[in-house]
């Protein structure tokens, strides 16, 4: 069983069928959650590892020693290194996450609201991306540059365009912009986040009929 299988709890049935993709979308989202939890642990001084389930599995699986008797520091560094190496994401992406959490999470009680807000932001954003980029998802996976350009244009439209014909799209855009303002993420951060999910989703194996 690979380190990703241990880390992310892949099902044996999936492995037997050869459908698990190391570094796939599920792995990406799990590593993002690990990073968020590690930042929260480091910034807020959380000492109960059971409060951070994804980071706990990450730490135990990779046997990461606690640095300076403080949870989150070593785990954050290791997780960031993995994401940068596997997905090619740059340093500024993580700096924005750090700043967003610092802005919104003054104490442990703020964590639940922050994660709820980020979940709503992600769901609205990806639902709208799927709606607006339907035919573009059928582009061959090798055309990554074109896919990135189209994804970035769609994100820009979501964050700036006002003359949507569909009332539902206009309302969802308004919600996303409110989330963006509250979370403090730049347009570039959102483009990077969305593009990686879109690209990885295209590479996921199709379920068997």
Foldseek 3Di string as FASTA:
>chain_A
DDLCCQLVVDDPVCVVVVQDDVLFLSSLVLLVLLLLLLLCQQVAVDLDCVVRVSVVSVCVSVVFDDPPSGGNPRSNVVSVVVCCVSPVDDDVLSVLSNVLCVVQDPHPVRVVVLVVLVVLLVVLVLVLLCVVCVVVLPPPLVPLVVLLVVLLVSLVCLQDPQPDPDPVSNVSSVSNNVSCVNSVDDSVSVSSVNSSSSSSVSVRDDDDD
